[in-house]
Structure formats: structure tokens, C-alpha cells
Amino acid sequence: DSVKGRFSISRDNAKNTVYLQMSSLTA
């Protein structure tokens, strides 16, 4: 709940990689 609307997660299976995109970051 603390990150909903600010973070997104995605995966690129061809690269064996998952990404966490973080925005509107706070302390």
C-alpha cells in the first residue's frame, strides 16, 4: 500500500531481468 501509484514492476524474460520503477520518492 505504501508504494501503490508510485512504483511499478515489470519483467523482460529475454534478458532474465525484472525492473522496479520508483517515482515520487520520499525519505
mmCIF file of all heavy atoms, coordinates in Angstrom:
data_MODEL
# 
_entry.id   MODEL 
# 
loop_
_atom_site.group_PDB 
_atom_site.id 
_atom_site.type_symbol 
_atom_site.label_atom_id 
_atom_site.label_alt_id 
_atom_site.label_comp_id 
_atom_site.label_asym_id 
_atom_site.label_entity_id 
_atom_site.label_seq_id 
_atom_site.pdbx_PDB_ins_code 
_atom_site.Cartn_x 
_atom_site.Cartn_y 
_atom_site.Cartn_z 
_atom_site.occupancy 
_atom_site.B_iso_or_equiv 
_atom_site.pdbx_formal_charge 
_atom_site.auth_seq_id 
_atom_site.auth_comp_id 
_atom_site.auth_asym_id 
_atom_site.auth_atom_id 
_atom_site.pdbx_PDB_model_num 
ATOM 1   N N   . ASP A 1 1  ? 0.819  -1.213  0.000   1.00 0.00 ? 1  ASP A N   1 
ATOM 2   C CA  . ASP A 1 1  ? 0.000  0.000   0.000   1.00 0.00 ? 1  ASP A CA  1 
ATOM 3   C C   . ASP A 1 1  ? 0.855  1.266   0.000   1.00 0.00 ? 1  ASP A C   1 
ATOM 4   O O   . ASP A 1 1  ? 0.473  2.278   -0.600  1.00 0.00 ? 1  ASP A O   1 
ATOM 5   C CB  . ASP A 1 1  ? -0.928 0.010   1.209   1.00 0.00 ? 1  ASP A CB  1 
ATOM 6   C CG  . ASP A 1 1  ? -2.064 -0.983  1.095   1.00 0.00 ? 1  ASP A CG  1 
ATOM 7   O OD1 . ASP A 1 1  ? -2.347 -1.464  -0.021  1.00 0.00 ? 1  ASP A OD1 1 
ATOM 8   O OD2 . ASP A 1 1  ? -2.683 -1.285  2.135   1.00 0.00 ? 1  ASP A OD2 1 
ATOM 9   N N   . SER A 1 2  ? 2.002  1.210   0.652   1.00 0.00 ? 2  SER A N   1 
ATOM 10  C CA  . SER A 1 2  ? 2.844  2.387   0.779   1.00 0.00 ? 2  SER A CA  1 
ATOM 11  C C   . SER A 1 2  ? 3.453  2.847   -0.543  1.00 0.00 ? 2  SER A C   1 
ATOM 12  O O   . SER A 1 2  ? 3.915  3.985   -0.636  1.00 0.00 ? 2  SER A O   1 
ATOM 13  C CB  . SER A 1 2  ? 3.962  2.126   1.789   1.00 0.00 ? 2  SER A CB  1 
ATOM 14  O OG  . SER A 1 2  ? 4.751  1.016   1.389   1.00 0.00 ? 2  SER A OG  1 
ATOM 15  N N   . VAL A 1 3  ? 3.462  1.983   -1.552  1.00 0.00 ? 3  VAL A N   1 
ATOM 16  C CA  . VAL A 1 3  ? 4.079  2.339   -2.828  1.00 0.00 ? 3  VAL A CA  1 
ATOM 17  C C   . VAL A 1 3  ? 3.103  2.323   -3.994  1.00 0.00 ? 3  VAL A C   1 
ATOM 18  O O   . VAL A 1 3  ? 3.492  2.686   -5.116  1.00 0.00 ? 3  VAL A O   1 
ATOM 19  C CB  . VAL A 1 3  ? 5.288  1.434   -3.148  1.00 0.00 ? 3  VAL A CB  1 
ATOM 20  C CG1 . VAL A 1 3  ? 6.274  1.433   -1.992  1.00 0.00 ? 3  VAL A CG1 1 
ATOM 21  C CG2 . VAL A 1 3  ? 4.843  0.016   -3.491  1.00 0.00 ? 3  VAL A CG2 1 
ATOM 22  N N   . LYS A 1 4  ? 1.861  1.942   -3.766  1.00 0.00 ? 4  LYS A N   1 
ATOM 23  C CA  . LYS A 1 4  ? 0.880  1.903   -4.853  1.00 0.00 ? 4  LYS A CA  1 
ATOM 24  C C   . LYS A 1 4  ? 0.732  3.276   -5.494  1.00 0.00 ? 4  LYS A C   1 
ATOM 25  O O   . LYS A 1 4  ? 0.628  4.288   -4.811  1.00 0.00 ? 4  LYS A O   1 
ATOM 26  C CB  . LYS A 1 4  ? -0.472 1.424   -4.331  1.00 0.00 ? 4  LYS A CB  1 
ATOM 27  C CG  . LYS A 1 4  ? -0.540 -0.065  -4.074  1.00 0.00 ? 4  LYS A CG  1 
ATOM 28  C CD  . LYS A 1 4  ? -1.911 -0.473  -3.558  1.00 0.00 ? 4  LYS A CD  1 
ATOM 29  C CE  . LYS A 1 4  ? -1.963 -1.965  -3.302  1.00 0.00 ? 4  LYS A CE  1 
ATOM 30  N NZ  . LYS A 1 4  ? -3.250 -2.381  -2.703  1.00 0.00 ? 4  LYS A NZ  1 
ATOM 31  N N   . GLY A 1 5  ? 0.736  3.280   -6.805  1.00 0.00 ? 5  GLY A N   1 
ATOM 32  C CA  . GLY A 1 5  ? 0.630  4.525   -7.549  1.00 0.00 ? 5  GLY A CA  1 
ATOM 33  C C   . GLY A 1 5  ? 1.946  5.206   -7.793  1.00 0.00 ? 5  GLY A C   1 
ATOM 34  O O   . GLY A 1 5  ? 2.006  6.147   -8.599  1.00 0.00 ? 5  GLY A O   1 
ATOM 35  N N   . ARG A 1 6  ? 2.998  4.775   -7.117  1.00 0.00 ? 6  ARG A N   1 
ATOM 36  C CA  . ARG A 1 6  ? 4.318  5.376   -7.286  1.00 0.00 ? 6  ARG A CA  1 
ATOM 37  C C   . ARG A 1 6  ? 5.332  4.424   -7.903  1.00 0.00 ? 6  ARG A C   1 
ATOM 38  O O   . ARG A 1 6  ? 6.239  4.865   -8.615  1.00 0.00 ? 6  ARG A O   1 
ATOM 39  C CB  . ARG A 1 6  ? 4.863  5.864   -5.943  1.00 0.00 ? 6  ARG A CB  1 
ATOM 40  C CG  . ARG A 1 6  ? 3.990  6.905   -5.265  1.00 0.00 ? 6  ARG A CG  1 
ATOM 41  C CD  . ARG A 1 6  ? 4.693  7.499   -4.041  1.00 0.00 ? 6  ARG A CD  1 
ATOM 42  N NE  . ARG A 1 6  ? 4.961  6.489   -3.023  1.00 0.00 ? 6  ARG A NE  1 
ATOM 43  C CZ  . ARG A 1 6  ? 6.174  6.161   -2.606  1.00 0.00 ? 6  ARG A CZ  1 
ATOM 44  N NH1 . ARG A 1 6  ? 7.251  6.766   -3.106  1.00 0.00 ? 6  ARG A NH1 1 
ATOM 45  N NH2 . ARG A 1 6  ? 6.336  5.236   -1.664  1.00 0.00 ? 6  ARG A NH2 1 
ATOM 46  N N   . PHE A 1 7  ? 5.206  3.132   -7.594  1.00 0.00 ? 7  PHE A N   1 
ATOM 47  C CA  . PHE A 1 7  ? 6.146  2.133   -8.093  1.00 0.00 ? 7  PHE A CA  1 
ATOM 48  C C   . PHE A 1 7  ? 5.457  1.255   -9.128  1.00 0.00 ? 7  PHE A C   1 
ATOM 49  O O   . PHE A 1 7  ? 4.252  1.008   -9.043  1.00 0.00 ? 7  PHE A O   1 
ATOM 50  C CB  . PHE A 1 7  ? 6.637  1.228   -6.965  1.00 0.00 ? 7  PHE A CB  1 
ATOM 51  C CG  . PHE A 1 7  ? 7.562  1.865   -5.968  1.00 0.00 ? 7  PHE A CG  1 
ATOM 52  C CD1 . PHE A 1 7  ? 7.738  3.233   -5.893  1.00 0.00 ? 7  PHE A CD1 1 
ATOM 53  C CD2 . PHE A 1 7  ? 8.260  1.058   -5.081  1.00 0.00 ? 7  PHE A CD2 1 
ATOM 54  C CE1 . PHE A 1 7  ? 8.589  3.803   -4.961  1.00 0.00 ? 7  PHE A CE1 1 
ATOM 55  C CE2 . PHE A 1 7  ? 9.116  1.613   -4.144  1.00 0.00 ? 7  PHE A CE2 1 
ATOM 56  C CZ  . PHE A 1 7  ? 9.284  2.982   -4.079  1.00 0.00 ? 7  PHE A CZ  1 
ATOM 57  N N   . SER A 1 8  ? 6.230  0.754   -10.070 1.00 0.00 ? 8  SER A N   1 
ATOM 58  C CA  . SER A 1 8  ? 5.750  -0.268  -10.978 1.00 0.00 ? 8  SER A CA  1 
ATOM 59  C C   . SER A 1 8  ? 6.803  -1.353  -11.116 1.00 0.00 ? 8  SER A C   1 
ATOM 60  O O   . SER A 1 8  ? 7.995  -1.112  -10.901 1.00 0.00 ? 8  SER A O   1 
ATOM 61  C CB  . SER A 1 8  ? 5.393  0.316   -12.347 1.00 0.00 ? 8  SER A CB  1 
ATOM 62  O OG  . SER A 1 8  ? 6.543  0.821   -13.003 1.00 0.00 ? 8  SER A OG  1 
ATOM 63  N N   . ILE A 1 9  ? 6.363  -2.556  -11.455 1.00 0.00 ? 9  ILE A N   1 
ATOM 64  C CA  . ILE A 1 9  ? 7.262  -3.687  -11.629 1.00 0.00 ? 9  ILE A CA  1 
ATOM 65  C C   . ILE A 1 9  ? 6.981  -4.310  -12.987 1.00 0.00 ? 9  ILE A C   1 
ATOM 66  O O   . ILE A 1 9  ? 5.832  -4.398  -13.414 1.00 0.00 ? 9  ILE A O   1 
ATOM 67  C CB  . ILE A 1 9  ? 7.108  -4.705  -10.477 1.00 0.00 ? 9  ILE A CB  1 
ATOM 68  C CG1 . ILE A 1 9  ? 8.178  -5.791  -10.552 1.00 0.00 ? 9  ILE A CG1 1 
ATOM 69  C CG2 . ILE A 1 9  ? 5.709  -5.303  -10.438 1.00 0.00 ? 9  ILE A CG2 1 
ATOM 70  C CD1 . ILE A 1 9  ? 8.237  -6.670  -9.298  1.00 0.00 ? 9  ILE A CD1 1 
ATOM 71  N N   . SER A 1 10 ? 8.036  -4.714  -13.664 1.00 0.00 ? 10 SER A N   1 
ATOM 72  C CA  . SER A 1 10 ? 7.901  -5.321  -14.976 1.00 0.00 ? 10 SER A CA  1 
ATOM 73  C C   . SER A 1 10 ? 9.005  -6.345  -15.164 1.00 0.00 ? 10 SER A C   1 
ATOM 74  O O   . SER A 1 10 ? 9.980  -6.376  -14.407 1.00 0.00 ? 10 SER A O   1 
ATOM 75  C CB  . SER A 1 10 ? 7.961  -4.255  -16.084 1.00 0.00 ? 10 SER A CB  1 
ATOM 76  O OG  . SER A 1 10 ? 9.200  -3.580  -16.064 1.00 0.00 ? 10 SER A OG  1 
ATOM 77  N N   . ARG A 1 11 ? 8.852  -7.186  -16.174 1.00 0.00 ? 11 ARG A N   1 
ATOM 78  C CA  . ARG A 1 11 ? 9.880  -8.180  -16.431 1.00 0.00 ? 11 ARG A CA  1 
ATOM 79  C C   . ARG A 1 11 ? 10.162 -8.287  -17.914 1.00 0.00 ? 11 ARG A C   1 
ATOM 80  O O   . ARG A 1 11 ? 9.275  -8.113  -18.761 1.00 0.00 ? 11 ARG A O   1 
ATOM 81  C CB  . ARG A 1 11 ? 9.489  -9.545  -15.838 1.00 0.00 ? 11 ARG A CB  1 
ATOM 82  C CG  . ARG A 1 11 ? 8.265  -10.206 -16.442 1.00 0.00 ? 11 ARG A CG  1 
ATOM 83  C CD  . ARG A 1 11 ? 7.827  -11.405 -15.570 1.00 0.00 ? 11 ARG A CD  1 
ATOM 84  N NE  . ARG A 1 11 ? 8.873  -12.410 -15.467 1.00 0.00 ? 11 ARG A NE  1 
ATOM 85  C CZ  . ARG A 1 11 ? 8.992  -13.287 -14.473 1.00 0.00 ? 11 ARG A CZ  1 
ATOM 86  N NH1 . ARG A 1 11 ? 8.116  -13.277 -13.473 1.00 0.00 ? 11 ARG A NH1 1 
ATOM 87  N NH2 . ARG A 1 11 ? 9.978  -14.167 -14.472 1.00 0.00 ? 11 ARG A NH2 1 
ATOM 88  N N   . ASP A 1 12 ? 11.417 -8.584  -18.217 1.00 0.00 ? 12 ASP A N   1 
ATOM 89  C CA  . ASP A 1 12 ? 11.878 -8.838  -19.568 1.00 0.00 ? 12 ASP A CA  1 
ATOM 90  C C   . ASP A 1 12 ? 12.516 -10.220 -19.537 1.00 0.00 ? 12 ASP A C   1 
ATOM 91  O O   . ASP A 1 12 ? 13.684 -10.368 -19.178 1.00 0.00 ? 12 ASP A O   1 
ATOM 92  C CB  . ASP A 1 12 ? 12.866 -7.772  -20.023 1.00 0.00 ? 12 ASP A CB  1 
ATOM 93  C CG  . ASP A 1 12 ? 13.305 -7.947  -21.461 1.00 0.00 ? 12 ASP A CG  1 
ATOM 94  O OD1 . ASP A 1 12 ? 13.097 -9.029  -22.040 1.00 0.00 ? 12 ASP A OD1 1 
ATOM 95  O OD2 . ASP A 1 12 ? 13.875 -6.992  -22.020 1.00 0.00 ? 12 ASP A OD2 1 
ATOM 96  N N   . ASN A 1 13 ? 11.740 -11.228 -19.893 1.00 0.00 ? 13 ASN A N   1 
ATOM 97  C CA  . ASN A 1 13 ? 12.227 -12.601 -19.776 1.00 0.00 ? 13 ASN A CA  1 
ATOM 98  C C   . ASN A 1 13 ? 13.375 -12.892 -20.734 1.00 0.00 ? 13 ASN A C   1 
ATOM 99  O O   . ASN A 1 13 ? 14.207 -13.760 -20.457 1.00 0.00 ? 13 ASN A O   1 
ATOM 100 C CB  . ASN A 1 13 ? 11.081 -13.582 -20.001 1.00 0.00 ? 13 ASN A CB  1 
ATOM 101 C CG  . ASN A 1 13 ? 10.093 -13.593 -18.856 1.00 0.00 ? 13 ASN A CG  1 
ATOM 102 O OD1 . ASN A 1 13 ? 10.440 -13.297 -17.716 1.00 0.00 ? 13 ASN A OD1 1 
ATOM 103 N ND2 . ASN A 1 13 ? 8.851  -13.934 -19.152 1.00 0.00 ? 13 ASN A ND2 1 
ATOM 104 N N   . ALA A 1 14 ? 13.432 -12.193 -21.861 1.00 0.00 ? 14 ALA A N   1 
ATOM 105 C CA  . ALA A 1 14 ? 14.533 -12.382 -22.797 1.00 0.00 ? 14 ALA A CA  1 
ATOM 106 C C   . ALA A 1 14 ? 15.862 -11.966 -22.186 1.00 0.00 ? 14 ALA A C   1 
ATOM 107 O O   . ALA A 1 14 ? 16.915 -12.444 -22.610 1.00 0.00 ? 14 ALA A O   1 
ATOM 108 C CB  . ALA A 1 14 ? 14.277 -11.614 -24.090 1.00 0.00 ? 14 ALA A CB  1 
ATOM 109 N N   . LYS A 1 15 ? 15.812 -11.063 -21.214 1.00 0.00 ? 15 LYS A N   1 
ATOM 110 C CA  . LYS A 1 15 ? 17.020 -10.606 -20.535 1.00 0.00 ? 15 LYS A CA  1 
ATOM 111 C C   . LYS A 1 15 ? 17.167 -11.172 -19.132 1.00 0.00 ? 15 LYS A C   1 
ATOM 112 O O   . LYS A 1 15 ? 18.100 -10.797 -18.413 1.00 0.00 ? 15 LYS A O   1 
ATOM 113 C CB  . LYS A 1 15 ? 17.039 -9.080  -20.467 1.00 0.00 ? 15 LYS A CB  1 
ATOM 114 C CG  . LYS A 1 15 ? 17.133 -8.402  -21.816 1.00 0.00 ? 15 LYS A CG  1 
ATOM 115 C CD  . LYS A 1 15 ? 17.219 -6.896  -21.656 1.00 0.00 ? 15 LYS A CD  1 
ATOM 116 C CE  . LYS A 1 15 ? 17.402 -6.223  -23.000 1.00 0.00 ? 15 LYS A CE  1 
ATOM 117 N NZ  . LYS A 1 15 ? 17.505 -4.751  -22.868 1.00 0.00 ? 15 LYS A NZ  1 
ATOM 118 N N   . ASN A 1 16 ? 16.267 -12.059 -18.727 1.00 0.00 ? 16 ASN A N   1 
ATOM 119 C CA  . ASN A 1 16 ? 16.274 -12.602 -17.363 1.00 0.00 ? 16 ASN A CA  1 
ATOM 120 C C   . ASN A 1 16 ? 16.323 -11.482 -16.323 1.00 0.00 ? 16 ASN A C   1 
ATOM 121 O O   . ASN A 1 16 ? 17.053 -11.561 -15.331 1.00 0.00 ? 16 ASN A O   1 
ATOM 122 C CB  . ASN A 1 16 ? 17.455 -13.552 -17.159 1.00 0.00 ? 16 ASN A CB  1 
ATOM 123 C CG  . ASN A 1 16 ? 17.162 -14.975 -17.587 1.00 0.00 ? 16 ASN A CG  1 
ATOM 124 O OD1 . ASN A 1 16 ? 16.295 -15.232 -18.419 1.00 0.00 ? 16 ASN A OD1 1 
ATOM 125 N ND2 . ASN A 1 16 ? 17.905 -15.923 -17.018 1.00 0.00 ? 16 ASN A ND2 1 
ATOM 126 N N   . THR A 1 17 ? 15.519 -10.447 -16.537 1.00 0.00 ? 17 THR A N   1 
ATOM 127 C CA  . THR A 1 17 ? 15.596 -9.260  -15.708 1.00 0.00 ? 17 THR A CA  1 
ATOM 128 C C   . THR A 1 17 ? 14.204 -8.783  -15.316 1.00 0.00 ? 17 THR A C   1 
ATOM 129 O O   . THR A 1 17 ? 13.277 -8.802  -16.131 1.00 0.00 ? 17 THR A O   1 
ATOM 130 C CB  . THR A 1 17 ? 16.348 -8.135  -16.433 1.00 0.00 ? 17 THR A CB  1 
ATOM 131 O OG1 . THR A 1 17 ? 17.681 -8.576  -16.734 1.00 0.00 ? 17 THR A OG1 1 
ATOM 132 C CG2 . THR A 1 17 ? 16.437 -6.887  -15.567 1.00 0.00 ? 17 THR A CG2 1 
ATOM 133 N N   . VAL A 1 18 ? 14.082 -8.346  -14.060 1.00 0.00 ? 18 VAL A N   1 
ATOM 134 C CA  . VAL A 1 18 ? 12.899 -7.673  -13.548 1.00 0.00 ? 18 VAL A CA  1 
ATOM 135 C C   . VAL A 1 18 ? 13.292 -6.269  -13.129 1.00 0.00 ? 18 VAL A C   1 
ATOM 136 O O   . VAL A 1 18 ? 14.376 -6.061  -12.568 1.00 0.00 ? 18 VAL A O   1 
ATOM 137 C CB  . VAL A 1 18 ? 12.272 -8.456  -12.380 1.00 0.00 ? 18 VAL A CB  1 
ATOM 138 C CG1 . VAL A 1 18 ? 11.303 -7.590  -11.585 1.00 0.00 ? 18 VAL A CG1 1 
ATOM 139 C CG2 . VAL A 1 18 ? 11.555 -9.691  -12.908 1.00 0.00 ? 18 VAL A CG2 1 
ATOM 140 N N   . TYR A 1 19 ? 12.412 -5.314  -13.391 1.00 0.00 ? 19 TYR A N   1 
ATOM 141 C CA  . TYR A 1 19 ? 12.662 -3.922  -13.077 1.00 0.00 ? 19 TYR A CA  1 
ATOM 142 C C   . TYR A 1 19 ? 11.672 -3.426  -12.037 1.00 0.00 ? 19 TYR A C   1 
ATOM 143 O O   . TYR A 1 19 ? 10.503 -3.809  -12.036 1.00 0.00 ? 19 TYR A O   1 
ATOM 144 C CB  . TYR A 1 19 ? 12.535 -3.055  -14.325 1.00 0.00 ? 19 TYR A CB  1 
ATOM 145 C CG  . TYR A 1 19 ? 13.437 -3.485  -15.447 1.00 0.00 ? 19 TYR A CG  1 
ATOM 146 C CD1 . TYR A 1 19 ? 12.959 -4.263  -16.495 1.00 0.00 ? 19 TYR A CD1 1 
ATOM 147 C CD2 . TYR A 1 19 ? 14.780 -3.128  -15.453 1.00 0.00 ? 19 TYR A CD2 1 
ATOM 148 C CE1 . TYR A 1 19 ? 13.790 -4.669  -17.523 1.00 0.00 ? 19 TYR A CE1 1 
ATOM 149 C CE2 . TYR A 1 19 ? 15.617 -3.533  -16.482 1.00 0.00 ? 19 TYR A CE2 1 
ATOM 150 C CZ  . TYR A 1 19 ? 15.118 -4.302  -17.511 1.00 0.00 ? 19 TYR A CZ  1 
ATOM 151 O OH  . TYR A 1 19 ? 15.945 -4.706  -18.527 1.00 0.00 ? 19 TYR A OH  1 
ATOM 152 N N   . LEU A 1 20 ? 12.137 -2.551  -11.168 1.00 0.00 ? 20 LEU A N   1 
ATOM 153 C CA  . LEU A 1 20 ? 11.290 -1.821  -10.247 1.00 0.00 ? 20 LEU A CA  1 
ATOM 154 C C   . LEU A 1 20 ? 11.467 -0.342  -10.535 1.00 0.00 ? 20 LEU A C   1 
ATOM 155 O O   . LEU A 1 20 ? 12.528 0.225   -10.254 1.00 0.00 ? 20 LEU A O   1 
ATOM 156 C CB  . LEU A 1 20 ? 11.648 -2.133  -8.793  1.00 0.00 ? 20 LEU A CB  1 
ATOM 157 C CG  . LEU A 1 20 ? 10.755 -1.478  -7.738  1.00 0.00 ? 20 LEU A CG  1 
ATOM 158 C CD1 . LEU A 1 20 ? 9.351  -2.076  -7.778  1.00 0.00 ? 20 LEU A CD1 1 
ATOM 159 C CD2 . LEU A 1 20 ? 11.365 -1.620  -6.345  1.00 0.00 ? 20 LEU A CD2 1 
ATOM 160 N N   . GLN A 1 21 ? 10.447 0.267   -11.126 1.00 0.00 ? 21 GLN A N   1 
ATOM 161 C CA  . GLN A 1 21 ? 10.470 1.689   -11.430 1.00 0.00 ? 21 GLN A CA  1 
ATOM 162 C C   . GLN A 1 21 ? 9.859  2.437   -10.256 1.00 0.00 ? 21 GLN A C   1 
ATOM 163 O O   . GLN A 1 21 ? 8.694  2.210   -9.921  1.00 0.00 ? 21 GLN A O   1 
ATOM 164 C CB  . GLN A 1 21 ? 9.696  1.976   -12.712 1.00 0.00 ? 21 GLN A CB  1 
ATOM 165 C CG  . GLN A 1 21 ? 9.662  3.443   -13.098 1.00 0.00 ? 21 GLN A CG  1 
ATOM 166 C CD  . GLN A 1 21 ? 11.014 3.978   -13.476 1.00 0.00 ? 21 GLN A CD  1 
ATOM 167 O OE1 . GLN A 1 21 ? 11.699 3.410   -14.314 1.00 0.00 ? 21 GLN A OE1 1 
ATOM 168 N NE2 . GLN A 1 21 ? 11.422 5.074   -12.849 1.00 0.00 ? 21 GLN A NE2 1 
ATOM 169 N N   . MET A 1 22 ? 10.622 3.322   -9.651  1.00 0.00 ? 22 MET A N   1 
ATOM 170 C CA  . MET A 1 22 ? 10.213 4.052   -8.470  1.00 0.00 ? 22 MET A CA  1 
ATOM 171 C C   . MET A 1 22 ? 10.144 5.534   -8.800  1.00 0.00 ? 22 MET A C   1 
ATOM 172 O O   . MET A 1 22 ? 11.094 6.096   -9.348  1.00 0.00 ? 22 MET A O   1 
ATOM 173 C CB  . MET A 1 22 ? 11.192 3.823   -7.319  1.00 0.00 ? 22 MET A CB  1 
ATOM 174 C CG  . MET A 1 22 ? 11.469 2.356   -7.016  1.00 0.00 ? 22 MET A CG  1 
ATOM 175 S SD  . MET A 1 22 ? 12.564 2.133   -5.585  1.00 0.00 ? 22 MET A SD  1 
ATOM 176 C CE  . MET A 1 22 ? 14.064 2.877   -6.239  1.00 0.00 ? 22 MET A CE  1 
ATOM 177 N N   . SER A 1 23 ? 9.040  6.175   -8.451  1.00 0.00 ? 23 SER A N   1 
ATOM 178 C CA  . SER A 1 23 ? 8.868  7.600   -8.674  1.00 0.00 ? 23 SER A CA  1 
ATOM 179 C C   . SER A 1 23 ? 8.284  8.244   -7.428  1.00 0.00 ? 23 SER A C   1 
ATOM 180 O O   . SER A 1 23 ? 7.850  7.562   -6.508  1.00 0.00 ? 23 SER A O   1 
ATOM 181 C CB  . SER A 1 23 ? 7.986  7.856   -9.895  1.00 0.00 ? 23 SER A CB  1 
ATOM 182 O OG  . SER A 1 23 ? 6.688  7.333   -9.703  1.00 0.00 ? 23 SER A OG  1 
ATOM 183 N N   . SER A 1 24 ? 8.279  9.576   -7.427  1.00 0.00 ? 24 SER A N   1 
ATOM 184 C CA  . SER A 1 24 ? 7.779  10.348  -6.286  1.00 0.00 ? 24 SER A CA  1 
ATOM 185 C C   . SER A 1 24 ? 8.376  9.855   -4.979  1.00 0.00 ? 24 SER A C   1 
ATOM 186 O O   . SER A 1 24 ? 7.683  9.675   -3.976  1.00 0.00 ? 24 SER A O   1 
ATOM 187 C CB  . SER A 1 24 ? 6.253  10.298  -6.242  1.00 0.00 ? 24 SER A CB  1 
ATOM 188 O OG  . SER A 1 24 ? 5.694  10.828  -7.426  1.00 0.00 ? 24 SER A OG  1 
ATOM 189 N N   . LEU A 1 25 ? 9.676  9.663   -4.984  1.00 0.00 ? 25 LEU A N   1 
ATOM 190 C CA  . LEU A 1 25 ? 10.347 9.067   -3.838  1.00 0.00 ? 25 LEU A CA  1 
ATOM 191 C C   . LEU A 1 25 ? 10.371 10.022  -2.652  1.00 0.00 ? 25 LEU A C   1 
ATOM 192 O O   . LEU A 1 25 ? 10.489 11.243  -2.808  1.00 0.00 ? 25 LEU A O   1 
ATOM 193 C CB  . LEU A 1 25 ? 11.759 8.663   -4.216  1.00 0.00 ? 25 LEU A CB  1 
ATOM 194 C CG  . LEU A 1 25 ? 11.838 7.435   -5.128  1.00 0.00 ? 25 LEU A CG  1 
ATOM 195 C CD1 . LEU A 1 25 ? 13.210 7.338   -5.780  1.00 0.00 ? 25 LEU A CD1 1 
ATOM 196 C CD2 . LEU A 1 25 ? 11.535 6.165   -4.335  1.00 0.00 ? 25 LEU A CD2 1 
ATOM 197 N N   . THR A 1 26 ? 10.258 9.439   -1.463  1.00 0.00 ? 26 THR A N   1 
ATOM 198 C CA  . THR A 1 26 ? 10.352 10.178  -0.207  1.00 0.00 ? 26 THR A CA  1 
ATOM 199 C C   . THR A 1 26 ? 11.402 9.537   0.678   1.00 0.00 ? 26 THR A C   1 
ATOM 200 O O   . THR A 1 26 ? 11.900 8.442   0.400   1.00 0.00 ? 26 THR A O   1 
ATOM 201 C CB  . THR A 1 26 ? 9.008  10.210  0.534   1.00 0.00 ? 26 THR A CB  1 
ATOM 202 O OG1 . THR A 1 26 ? 8.790  8.954   1.193   1.00 0.00 ? 26 THR A OG1 1 
ATOM 203 C CG2 . THR A 1 26 ? 7.855  10.502  -0.416  1.00 0.00 ? 26 THR A CG2 1 
ATOM 204 N N   . ALA A 1 27 ? 11.723 10.206  1.774   1.00 0.00 ? 27 ALA A N   1 
ATOM 205 C CA  . ALA A 1 27 ? 12.698 9.672   2.710   1.00 0.00 ? 27 ALA A CA  1 
ATOM 206 C C   . ALA A 1 27 ? 12.271 8.321   3.266   1.00 0.00 ? 27 ALA A C   1 
ATOM 207 O O   . ALA A 1 27 ? 13.121 7.506   3.640   1.00 0.00 ? 27 ALA A O   1 
ATOM 208 C CB  . ALA A 1 27 ? 12.935 10.658  3.847   1.00 0.00 ? 27 ALA A CB  1 
# 
